């Protein structure tokens, strides 16, 4: 599953769910191999 695919999921949850559900779906930024790994288009 690519970052962009998981981001679509997060966008859907953010739109359709409560904040706690969205927050629980966020990836752990401490596990990212690079800064901006989840948000940088590259």
ModelCIF file with pLDDT and N, C-alpha, C, O atoms, coordinates in Angstrom:
data_MODEL
#
_entry.id   MODEL 
#
_entity.id                         1 
_entity.type                       polymer 
_entity.pdbx_number_of_molecules   1 
#
_entity_poly.entity_id                      1 
_entity_poly.type                           'polypeptide(L)' 
_entity_poly.nstd_linkage                   no 
_entity_poly.nstd_monomer                   no 
_entity_poly.pdbx_seq_one_letter_code       
;(UNK)(UNK)(UNK)(UNK)(UNK)(UNK)(UNK)(UNK)(UNK)(UNK)(UNK)(UNK)(UNK)(UNK)(UNK)(UNK)
(UNK)(UNK)(UNK)(UNK)(UNK)(UNK)(UNK)(UNK)(UNK)(UNK)(UNK)(UNK)(UNK)(UNK)(UNK)(UNK)
(UNK)(UNK)(UNK)(UNK)(UNK)(UNK)(UNK)(UNK)(UNK)(UNK)
;
_entity_poly.pdbx_seq_one_letter_code_can   XXXXXXXXXXXXXXXXXXXXXXXXXXXXXXXXXXXXXXXXXX 
_entity_poly.pdbx_strand_id                 A 
#
loop_
_entity_poly_seq.entity_id 
_entity_poly_seq.num 
_entity_poly_seq.mon_id 
_entity_poly_seq.hetero 
1 1  UNK n 
1 2  UNK n 
1 3  UNK n 
1 4  UNK n 
1 5  UNK n 
1 6  UNK n 
1 7  UNK n 
1 8  UNK n 
1 9  UNK n 
1 10 UNK n 
1 11 UNK n 
1 12 UNK n 
1 13 UNK n 
1 14 UNK n 
1 15 UNK n 
1 16 UNK n 
1 17 UNK n 
1 18 UNK n 
1 19 UNK n 
1 20 UNK n 
1 21 UNK n 
1 22 UNK n 
1 23 UNK n 
1 24 UNK n 
1 25 UNK n 
1 26 UNK n 
1 27 UNK n 
1 28 UNK n 
1 29 UNK n 
1 30 UNK n 
1 31 UNK n 
1 32 UNK n 
1 33 UNK n 
1 34 UNK n 
1 35 UNK n 
1 36 UNK n 
1 37 UNK n 
1 38 UNK n 
1 39 UNK n 
1 40 UNK n 
1 41 UNK n 
1 42 UNK n 
#
_struct_asym.id          A 
_struct_asym.entity_id   1 
#
loop_
_ma_qa_metric.id 
_ma_qa_metric.mode 
_ma_qa_metric.name 
_ma_qa_metric.software_group_id 
_ma_qa_metric.type 
1 global pLDDT . pLDDT 
2 local  pLDDT . pLDDT 
#
_ma_qa_metric_global.metric_id      1 
_ma_qa_metric_global.metric_value   94.57 
_ma_qa_metric_global.model_id       1 
_ma_qa_metric_global.ordinal_id     1 
#
loop_
_ma_qa_metric_local.label_asym_id 
_ma_qa_metric_local.label_comp_id 
_ma_qa_metric_local.label_seq_id 
_ma_qa_metric_local.metric_id 
_ma_qa_metric_local.metric_value 
_ma_qa_metric_local.model_id 
_ma_qa_metric_local.ordinal_id 
A UNK 1  2 94.00 1 1  
A UNK 2  2 95.00 1 2  
A UNK 3  2 96.00 1 3  
A UNK 4  2 96.00 1 4  
A UNK 5  2 96.00 1 5  
A UNK 6  2 97.00 1 6  
A UNK 7  2 96.00 1 7  
A UNK 8  2 97.00 1 8  
A UNK 9  2 97.00 1 9  
A UNK 10 2 97.00 1 10 
A UNK 11 2 97.00 1 11 
A UNK 12 2 96.00 1 12 
A UNK 13 2 95.00 1 13 
A UNK 14 2 95.00 1 14 
A UNK 15 2 95.00 1 15 
A UNK 16 2 91.00 1 16 
A UNK 17 2 90.00 1 17 
A UNK 18 2 94.00 1 18 
A UNK 19 2 95.00 1 19 
A UNK 20 2 96.00 1 20 
A UNK 21 2 95.00 1 21 
A UNK 22 2 96.00 1 22 
A UNK 23 2 96.00 1 23 
A UNK 24 2 96.00 1 24 
A UNK 25 2 97.00 1 25 
A UNK 26 2 96.00 1 26 
A UNK 27 2 96.00 1 27 
A UNK 28 2 95.00 1 28 
A UNK 29 2 92.00 1 29 
A UNK 30 2 93.00 1 30 
A UNK 31 2 95.00 1 31 
A UNK 32 2 94.00 1 32 
A UNK 33 2 94.00 1 33 
A UNK 34 2 90.00 1 34 
A UNK 35 2 91.00 1 35 
A UNK 36 2 92.00 1 36 
A UNK 37 2 95.00 1 37 
A UNK 38 2 92.00 1 38 
A UNK 39 2 89.00 1 39 
A UNK 40 2 93.00 1 40 
A UNK 41 2 95.00 1 41 
A UNK 42 2 95.00 1 42 
#
loop_
_atom_site.group_PDB 
_atom_site.id 
_atom_site.type_symbol 
_atom_site.label_atom_id 
_atom_site.label_alt_id 
_atom_site.label_comp_id 
_atom_site.label_asym_id 
_atom_site.label_entity_id 
_atom_site.label_seq_id 
_atom_site.pdbx_PDB_ins_code 
_atom_site.Cartn_x 
_atom_site.Cartn_y 
_atom_site.Cartn_z 
_atom_site.occupancy 
_atom_site.B_iso_or_equiv 
_atom_site.pdbx_formal_charge 
_atom_site.auth_seq_id 
_atom_site.auth_comp_id 
_atom_site.auth_asym_id 
_atom_site.auth_atom_id 
_atom_site.pdbx_PDB_model_num 
ATOM 1   N N  . UNK A 1 1  ? 0.873   -1.169 0.000  1.00 94.00 ? 1  UNK A N  1 
ATOM 2   C CA . UNK A 1 1  ? 0.000   0.000  0.000  1.00 94.00 ? 1  UNK A CA 1 
ATOM 3   C C  . UNK A 1 1  ? 0.908   1.217  0.000  1.00 94.00 ? 1  UNK A C  1 
ATOM 4   O O  . UNK A 1 1  ? 1.783   1.357  0.855  1.00 94.00 ? 1  UNK A O  1 
ATOM 5   N N  . UNK A 1 2  ? 0.690   2.087  -0.963 1.00 95.00 ? 2  UNK A N  1 
ATOM 6   C CA . UNK A 1 2  ? 1.516   3.286  -1.102 1.00 95.00 ? 2  UNK A CA 1 
ATOM 7   C C  . UNK A 1 2  ? 1.005   4.387  -0.175 1.00 95.00 ? 2  UNK A C  1 
ATOM 8   O O  . UNK A 1 2  ? -0.157  4.396  0.232  1.00 95.00 ? 2  UNK A O  1 
ATOM 9   N N  . UNK A 1 3  ? 1.906   5.312  0.145  1.00 96.00 ? 3  UNK A N  1 
ATOM 10  C CA . UNK A 1 3  ? 1.529   6.454  0.982  1.00 96.00 ? 3  UNK A CA 1 
ATOM 11  C C  . UNK A 1 3  ? 0.312   7.171  0.421  1.00 96.00 ? 3  UNK A C  1 
ATOM 12  O O  . UNK A 1 3  ? -0.602  7.512  1.171  1.00 96.00 ? 3  UNK A O  1 
ATOM 13  N N  . UNK A 1 4  ? 0.286   7.406  -0.899 1.00 96.00 ? 4  UNK A N  1 
ATOM 14  C CA . UNK A 1 4  ? -0.835  8.136  -1.494 1.00 96.00 ? 4  UNK A CA 1 
ATOM 15  C C  . UNK A 1 4  ? -2.151  7.377  -1.336 1.00 96.00 ? 4  UNK A C  1 
ATOM 16  O O  . UNK A 1 4  ? -3.206  8.001  -1.219 1.00 96.00 ? 4  UNK A O  1 
ATOM 17  N N  . UNK A 1 5  ? -2.111  6.058  -1.329 1.00 96.00 ? 5  UNK A N  1 
ATOM 18  C CA . UNK A 1 5  ? -3.327  5.273  -1.137 1.00 96.00 ? 5  UNK A CA 1 
ATOM 19  C C  . UNK A 1 5  ? -3.799  5.367  0.311  1.00 96.00 ? 5  UNK A C  1 
ATOM 20  O O  . UNK A 1 5  ? -4.997  5.475  0.573  1.00 96.00 ? 5  UNK A O  1 
ATOM 21  N N  . UNK A 1 6  ? -2.867  5.325  1.235  1.00 97.00 ? 6  UNK A N  1 
ATOM 22  C CA . UNK A 1 6  ? -3.241  5.436  2.647  1.00 97.00 ? 6  UNK A CA 1 
ATOM 23  C C  . UNK A 1 6  ? -3.745  6.850  2.944  1.00 97.00 ? 6  UNK A C  1 
ATOM 24  O O  . UNK A 1 6  ? -4.632  7.028  3.780  1.00 97.00 ? 6  UNK A O  1 
ATOM 25  N N  . UNK A 1 7  ? -3.189  7.846  2.270  1.00 96.00 ? 7  UNK A N  1 
ATOM 26  C CA . UNK A 1 7  ? -3.654  9.227  2.467  1.00 96.00 ? 7  UNK A CA 1 
ATOM 27  C C  . UNK A 1 7  ? -5.100  9.398  2.007  1.00 96.00 ? 7  UNK A C  1 
ATOM 28  O O  . UNK A 1 7  ? -5.853  10.157 2.617  1.00 96.00 ? 7  UNK A O  1 
ATOM 29  N N  . UNK A 1 8  ? -5.497  8.702  0.939  1.00 97.00 ? 8  UNK A N  1 
ATOM 30  C CA . UNK A 1 8  ? -6.908  8.733  0.505  1.00 97.00 ? 8  UNK A CA 1 
ATOM 31  C C  . UNK A 1 8  ? -7.804  8.185  1.609  1.00 97.00 ? 8  UNK A C  1 
ATOM 32  O O  . UNK A 1 8  ? -8.878  8.721  1.881  1.00 97.00 ? 8  UNK A O  1 
ATOM 33  N N  . UNK A 1 9  ? -7.341  7.106  2.240  1.00 97.00 ? 9  UNK A N  1 
ATOM 34  C CA . UNK A 1 9  ? -8.071  6.516  3.362  1.00 97.00 ? 9  UNK A CA 1 
ATOM 35  C C  . UNK A 1 9  ? -8.201  7.528  4.500  1.00 97.00 ? 9  UNK A C  1 
ATOM 36  O O  . UNK A 1 9  ? -9.283  7.707  5.058  1.00 97.00 ? 9  UNK A O  1 
ATOM 37  N N  . UNK A 1 10 ? -7.100  8.185  4.838  1.00 97.00 ? 10 UNK A N  1 
ATOM 38  C CA . UNK A 1 10 ? -7.127  9.181  5.917  1.00 97.00 ? 10 UNK A CA 1 
ATOM 39  C C  . UNK A 1 10 ? -8.069  10.331 5.591  1.00 97.00 ? 10 UNK A C  1 
ATOM 40  O O  . UNK A 1 10 ? -8.797  10.806 6.462  1.00 97.00 ? 10 UNK A O  1 
ATOM 41  N N  . UNK A 1 11 ? -8.056  10.780 4.338  1.00 97.00 ? 11 UNK A N  1 
ATOM 42  C CA . UNK A 1 11 ? -8.960  11.857 3.924  1.00 97.00 ? 11 UNK A CA 1 
ATOM 43  C C  . UNK A 1 11 ? -10.414 11.432 4.097  1.00 97.00 ? 11 UNK A C  1 
ATOM 44  O O  . UNK A 1 11 ? -11.245 12.217 4.554  1.00 97.00 ? 11 UNK A O  1 
ATOM 45  N N  . UNK A 1 12 ? -10.719 10.192 3.730  1.00 96.00 ? 12 UNK A N  1 
ATOM 46  C CA . UNK A 1 12 ? -12.073 9.670  3.867  1.00 96.00 ? 12 UNK A CA 1 
ATOM 47  C C  . UNK A 1 12 ? -12.491 9.605  5.333  1.00 96.00 ? 12 UNK A C  1 
ATOM 48  O O  . UNK A 1 12 ? -13.610 9.982  5.682  1.00 96.00 ? 12 UNK A O  1 
ATOM 49  N N  . UNK A 1 13 ? -11.593 9.130  6.182  1.00 95.00 ? 13 UNK A N  1 
ATOM 50  C CA . UNK A 1 13 ? -11.891 9.042  7.613  1.00 95.00 ? 13 UNK A CA 1 
ATOM 51  C C  . UNK A 1 13 ? -12.085 10.432 8.205  1.00 95.00 ? 13 UNK A C  1 
ATOM 52  O O  . UNK A 1 13 ? -13.002 10.657 8.994  1.00 95.00 ? 13 UNK A O  1 
ATOM 53  N N  . UNK A 1 14 ? -11.234 11.341 7.826  1.00 95.00 ? 14 UNK A N  1 
ATOM 54  C CA . UNK A 1 14 ? -11.322 12.710 8.363  1.00 95.00 ? 14 UNK A CA 1 
ATOM 55  C C  . UNK A 1 14 ? -12.666 13.329 8.009  1.00 95.00 ? 14 UNK A C  1 
ATOM 56  O O  . UNK A 1 14 ? -13.251 14.062 8.807  1.00 95.00 ? 14 UNK A O  1 
ATOM 57  N N  . UNK A 1 15 ? -13.150 13.031 6.808  1.00 95.00 ? 15 UNK A N  1 
ATOM 58  C CA . UNK A 1 15 ? -14.421 13.585 6.337  1.00 95.00 ? 15 UNK A CA 1 
ATOM 59  C C  . UNK A 1 15 ? -15.619 12.903 6.998  1.00 95.00 ? 15 UNK A C  1 
ATOM 60  O O  . UNK A 1 15 ? -16.612 13.558 7.315  1.00 95.00 ? 15 UNK A O  1 
ATOM 61  N N  . UNK A 1 16 ? -15.525 11.595 7.204  1.00 91.00 ? 16 UNK A N  1 
ATOM 62  C CA . UNK A 1 16 ? -16.691 10.804 7.615  1.00 91.00 ? 16 UNK A CA 1 
ATOM 63  C C  . UNK A 1 16 ? -16.701 10.342 9.061  1.00 91.00 ? 16 UNK A C  1 
ATOM 64  O O  . UNK A 1 16 ? -17.679 9.732  9.493  1.00 91.00 ? 16 UNK A O  1 
ATOM 65  N N  . UNK A 1 17 ? -15.644 10.611 9.832  1.00 90.00 ? 17 UNK A N  1 
ATOM 66  C CA . UNK A 1 17 ? -15.556 10.073 11.197 1.00 90.00 ? 17 UNK A CA 1 
ATOM 67  C C  . UNK A 1 17 ? -15.230 11.162 12.209 1.00 90.00 ? 17 UNK A C  1 
ATOM 68  O O  . UNK A 1 17 ? -14.970 12.311 11.853 1.00 90.00 ? 17 UNK A O  1 
ATOM 69  N N  . UNK A 1 18 ? -15.251 10.776 13.459 1.00 94.00 ? 18 UNK A N  1 
ATOM 70  C CA . UNK A 1 18 ? -14.879 11.705 14.525 1.00 94.00 ? 18 UNK A CA 1 
ATOM 71  C C  . UNK A 1 18 ? -13.363 11.797 14.612 1.00 94.00 ? 18 UNK A C  1 
ATOM 72  O O  . UNK A 1 18 ? -12.652 10.927 14.108 1.00 94.00 ? 18 UNK A O  1 
ATOM 73  N N  . UNK A 1 19 ? -12.878 12.838 15.244 1.00 95.00 ? 19 UNK A N  1 
ATOM 74  C CA . UNK A 1 19 ? -11.443 13.110 15.329 1.00 95.00 ? 19 UNK A CA 1 
ATOM 75  C C  . UNK A 1 19 ? -10.671 11.948 15.946 1.00 95.00 ? 19 UNK A C  1 
ATOM 76  O O  . UNK A 1 19 ? -9.565  11.646 15.497 1.00 95.00 ? 19 UNK A O  1 
ATOM 77  N N  . UNK A 1 20 ? -11.220 11.296 16.953 1.00 96.00 ? 20 UNK A N  1 
ATOM 78  C CA . UNK A 1 20 ? -10.513 10.187 17.605 1.00 96.00 ? 20 UNK A CA 1 
ATOM 79  C C  . UNK A 1 20 ? -10.260 9.029  16.640 1.00 96.00 ? 20 UNK A C  1 
ATOM 80  O O  . UNK A 1 20 ? -9.210  8.389  16.699 1.00 96.00 ? 20 UNK A O  1 
ATOM 81  N N  . UNK A 1 21 ? -11.209 8.763  15.762 1.00 95.00 ? 21 UNK A N  1 
ATOM 82  C CA . UNK A 1 21 ? -11.039 7.685  14.780 1.00 95.00 ? 21 UNK A CA 1 
ATOM 83  C C  . UNK A 1 21 ? -9.944  8.072  13.789 1.00 95.00 ? 21 UNK A C  1 
ATOM 84  O O  . UNK A 1 21 ? -9.095  7.252  13.443 1.00 95.00 ? 21 UNK A O  1 
ATOM 85  N N  . UNK A 1 22 ? -9.969  9.317  13.337 1.00 96.00 ? 22 UNK A N  1 
ATOM 86  C CA . UNK A 1 22 ? -8.934  9.805  12.419 1.00 96.00 ? 22 UNK A CA 1 
ATOM 87  C C  . UNK A 1 22 ? -7.557  9.748  13.075 1.00 96.00 ? 22 UNK A C  1 
ATOM 88  O O  . UNK A 1 22 ? -6.602  9.244  12.485 1.00 96.00 ? 22 UNK A O  1 
ATOM 89  N N  . UNK A 1 23 ? -7.464  10.261 14.288 1.00 96.00 ? 23 UNK A N  1 
ATOM 90  C CA . UNK A 1 23 ? -6.180  10.262 14.995 1.00 96.00 ? 23 UNK A CA 1 
ATOM 91  C C  . UNK A 1 23 ? -5.637  8.847  15.184 1.00 96.00 ? 23 UNK A C  1 
ATOM 92  O O  . UNK A 1 23 ? -4.430  8.622  15.099 1.00 96.00 ? 23 UNK A O  1 
ATOM 93  N N  . UNK A 1 24 ? -6.535  7.898  15.442 1.00 96.00 ? 24 UNK A N  1 
ATOM 94  C CA . UNK A 1 24 ? -6.116  6.504  15.650 1.00 96.00 ? 24 UNK A CA 1 
ATOM 95  C C  . UNK A 1 24 ? -5.609  5.862  14.357 1.00 96.00 ? 24 UNK A C  1 
ATOM 96  O O  . UNK A 1 24 ? -4.886  4.867  14.406 1.00 96.00 ? 24 UNK A O  1 
ATOM 97  N N  . UNK A 1 25 ? -5.977  6.415  13.213 1.00 97.00 ? 25 UNK A N  1 
ATOM 98  C CA . UNK A 1 25 ? -5.559  5.854  11.925 1.00 97.00 ? 25 UNK A CA 1 
ATOM 99  C C  . UNK A 1 25 ? -4.237  6.430  11.423 1.00 97.00 ? 25 UNK A C  1 
ATOM 100 O O  . UNK A 1 25 ? -3.651  5.898  10.480 1.00 97.00 ? 25 UNK A O  1 
ATOM 101 N N  . UNK A 1 26 ? -3.764  7.503  12.040 1.00 96.00 ? 26 UNK A N  1 
ATOM 102 C CA . UNK A 1 26 ? -2.534  8.144  11.576 1.00 96.00 ? 26 UNK A CA 1 
ATOM 103 C C  . UNK A 1 26 ? -1.317  7.240  11.786 1.00 96.00 ? 26 UNK A C  1 
ATOM 104 O O  . UNK A 1 26 ? -1.200  6.583  12.821 1.00 96.00 ? 26 UNK A O  1 
ATOM 105 N N  . UNK A 1 27 ? -0.417  7.208  10.805 1.00 96.00 ? 27 UNK A N  1 
ATOM 106 C CA . UNK A 1 27 ? 0.819   6.434  10.993 1.00 96.00 ? 27 UNK A CA 1 
ATOM 107 C C  . UNK A 1 27 ? 1.712   7.078  12.046 1.00 96.00 ? 27 UNK A C  1 
ATOM 108 O O  . UNK A 1 27 ? 1.618   8.278  12.305 1.00 96.00 ? 27 UNK A O  1 
ATOM 109 N N  . UNK A 1 28 ? 2.561   6.287  12.636 1.00 95.00 ? 28 UNK A N  1 
ATOM 110 C CA . UNK A 1 28 ? 3.498   6.761  13.651 1.00 95.00 ? 28 UNK A CA 1 
ATOM 111 C C  . UNK A 1 28 ? 4.638   7.509  12.961 1.00 95.00 ? 28 UNK A C  1 
ATOM 112 O O  . UNK A 1 28 ? 5.437   6.887  12.260 1.00 95.00 ? 28 UNK A O  1 
ATOM 113 N N  . UNK A 1 29 ? 4.732   8.838  13.143 1.00 92.00 ? 29 UNK A N  1 
ATOM 114 C CA . UNK A 1 29 ? 5.790   9.597  12.466 1.00 92.00 ? 29 UNK A CA 1 
ATOM 115 C C  . UNK A 1 29 ? 7.189   9.183  12.904 1.00 92.00 ? 29 UNK A C  1 
ATOM 116 O O  . UNK A 1 29 ? 8.149   9.408  12.167 1.00 92.00 ? 29 UNK A O  1 
ATOM 117 N N  . UNK A 1 30 ? 7.328   8.590  14.074 1.00 93.00 ? 30 UNK A N  1 
ATOM 118 C CA . UNK A 1 30 ? 8.622   8.119  14.547 1.00 93.00 ? 30 UNK A CA 1 
ATOM 119 C C  . UNK A 1 30 ? 9.160   6.938  13.756 1.00 93.00 ? 30 UNK A C  1 
ATOM 120 O O  . UNK A 1 30 ? 10.347  6.623  13.839 1.00 93.00 ? 30 UNK A O  1 
ATOM 121 N N  . UNK A 1 31 ? 8.289   6.279  12.983 1.00 95.00 ? 31 UNK A N  1 
ATOM 122 C CA . UNK A 1 31 ? 8.701   5.127  12.177 1.00 95.00 ? 31 UNK A CA 1 
ATOM 123 C C  . UNK A 1 31 ? 9.033   5.518  10.732 1.00 95.00 ? 31 UNK A C  1 
ATOM 124 O O  . UNK A 1 31 ? 9.452   4.674  9.940  1.00 95.00 ? 31 UNK A O  1 
ATOM 125 N N  . UNK A 1 32 ? 8.845   6.790  10.394 1.00 94.00 ? 32 UNK A N  1 
ATOM 126 C CA . UNK A 1 32 ? 9.122   7.250  9.032  1.00 94.00 ? 32 UNK A CA 1 
ATOM 127 C C  . UNK A 1 32 ? 10.626  7.281  8.784  1.00 94.00 ? 32 UNK A C  1 
ATOM 128 O O  . UNK A 1 32 ? 11.379  7.769  9.627  1.00 94.00 ? 32 UNK A O  1 
ATOM 129 N N  . UNK A 1 33 ? 11.071  6.767  7.642  1.00 94.00 ? 33 UNK A N  1 
ATOM 130 C CA . UNK A 1 33 ? 12.499  6.751  7.353  1.00 94.00 ? 33 UNK A CA 1 
ATOM 131 C C  . UNK A 1 33 ? 13.072  8.118  6.974  1.00 94.00 ? 33 UNK A C  1 
ATOM 132 O O  . UNK A 1 33 ? 14.279  8.339  7.069  1.00 94.00 ? 33 UNK A O  1 
ATOM 133 N N  . UNK A 1 34 ? 12.199  9.029  6.546  1.00 90.00 ? 34 UNK A N  1 
ATOM 134 C CA . UNK A 1 34 ? 12.630  10.362 6.129  1.00 90.00 ? 34 UNK A CA 1 
ATOM 135 C C  . UNK A 1 34 ? 11.651  11.398 6.660  1.00 90.00 ? 34 UNK A C  1 
ATOM 136 O O  . UNK A 1 34 ? 10.472  11.100 6.850  1.00 90.00 ? 34 UNK A O  1 
ATOM 137 N N  . UNK A 1 35 ? 12.128  12.603 6.900  1.00 91.00 ? 35 UNK A N  1 
ATOM 138 C CA . UNK A 1 35 ? 11.242  13.701 7.284  1.00 91.00 ? 35 UNK A CA 1 
ATOM 139 C C  . UNK A 1 35 ? 10.299  13.983 6.111  1.00 91.00 ? 35 UNK A C  1 
ATOM 140 O O  . UNK A 1 35 ? 10.729  14.029 4.959  1.00 91.00 ? 35 UNK A O  1 
ATOM 141 N N  . UNK A 1 36 ? 9.037   14.166 6.410  1.00 92.00 ? 36 UNK A N  1 
ATOM 142 C CA . UNK A 1 36 ? 8.038   14.424 5.380  1.00 92.00 ? 36 UNK A CA 1 
ATOM 143 C C  . UNK A 1 36 ? 7.620   13.192 4.595  1.00 92.00 ? 36 UNK A C  1 
ATOM 144 O O  . UNK A 1 36 ? 6.974   13.307 3.553  1.00 92.00 ? 36 UNK A O  1 
ATOM 145 N N  . UNK A 1 37 ? 7.982   12.022 5.084  1.00 95.00 ? 37 UNK A N  1 
ATOM 146 C CA . UNK A 1 37 ? 7.714   10.767 4.363  1.00 95.00 ? 37 UNK A CA 1 
ATOM 147 C C  . UNK A 1 37 ? 6.232   10.577 4.047  1.00 95.00 ? 37 UNK A C  1 
ATOM 148 O O  . UNK A 1 37 ? 5.885   10.084 2.974  1.00 95.00 ? 37 UNK A O  1 
ATOM 149 N N  . UNK A 1 38 ? 5.367   10.961 4.966  1.00 92.00 ? 38 UNK A N  1 
ATOM 150 C CA . UNK A 1 38 ? 3.932   10.735 4.765  1.00 92.00 ? 38 UNK A CA 1 
ATOM 151 C C  . UNK A 1 38 ? 3.261   11.856 3.985  1.00 92.00 ? 38 UNK A C  1 
ATOM 152 O O  . UNK A 1 38 ? 2.170   11.656 3.450  1.00 92.00 ? 38 UNK A O  1 
ATOM 153 N N  . UNK A 1 39 ? 3.875   13.017 3.906  1.00 89.00 ? 39 UNK A N  1 
ATOM 154 C CA . UNK A 1 39 ? 3.207   14.177 3.323  1.00 89.00 ? 39 UNK A CA 1 
ATOM 155 C C  . UNK A 1 39 ? 3.893   14.749 2.087  1.00 89.00 ? 39 UNK A C  1 
ATOM 156 O O  . UNK A 1 39 ? 3.257   15.478 1.326  1.00 89.00 ? 39 UNK A O  1 
ATOM 157 N N  . UNK A 1 40 ? 5.153   14.448 1.864  1.00 93.00 ? 40 UNK A N  1 
ATOM 158 C CA . UNK A 1 40 ? 5.871   14.993 0.714  1.00 93.00 ? 40 UNK A CA 1 
ATOM 159 C C  . UNK A 1 40 ? 5.543   14.158 -0.529 1.00 93.00 ? 40 UNK A C  1 
ATOM 160 O O  . UNK A 1 40 ? 5.663   12.933 -0.519 1.00 93.00 ? 40 UNK A O  1 
ATOM 161 N N  . UNK A 1 41 ? 5.128   14.844 -1.594 1.00 95.00 ? 41 UNK A N  1 
ATOM 162 C CA . UNK A 1 41 ? 4.709   14.137 -2.809 1.00 95.00 ? 41 UNK A CA 1 
ATOM 163 C C  . UNK A 1 41 ? 5.796   13.238 -3.399 1.00 95.00 ? 41 UNK A C  1 
ATOM 164 O O  . UNK A 1 41 ? 5.486   12.257 -4.076 1.00 95.00 ? 41 UNK A O  1 
ATOM 165 N N  . UNK A 1 42 ? 7.061   13.564 -3.149 1.00 95.00 ? 42 UNK A N  1 
ATOM 166 C CA . UNK A 1 42 ? 8.105   12.720 -3.732 1.00 95.00 ? 42 UNK A CA 1 
ATOM 167 C C  . UNK A 1 42 ? 8.127   11.322 -3.112 1.00 95.00 ? 42 UNK A C  1 
ATOM 168 O O  . UNK A 1 42 ? 8.950   10.490 -3.494 1.00 95.00 ? 42 UNK A O  1 
#
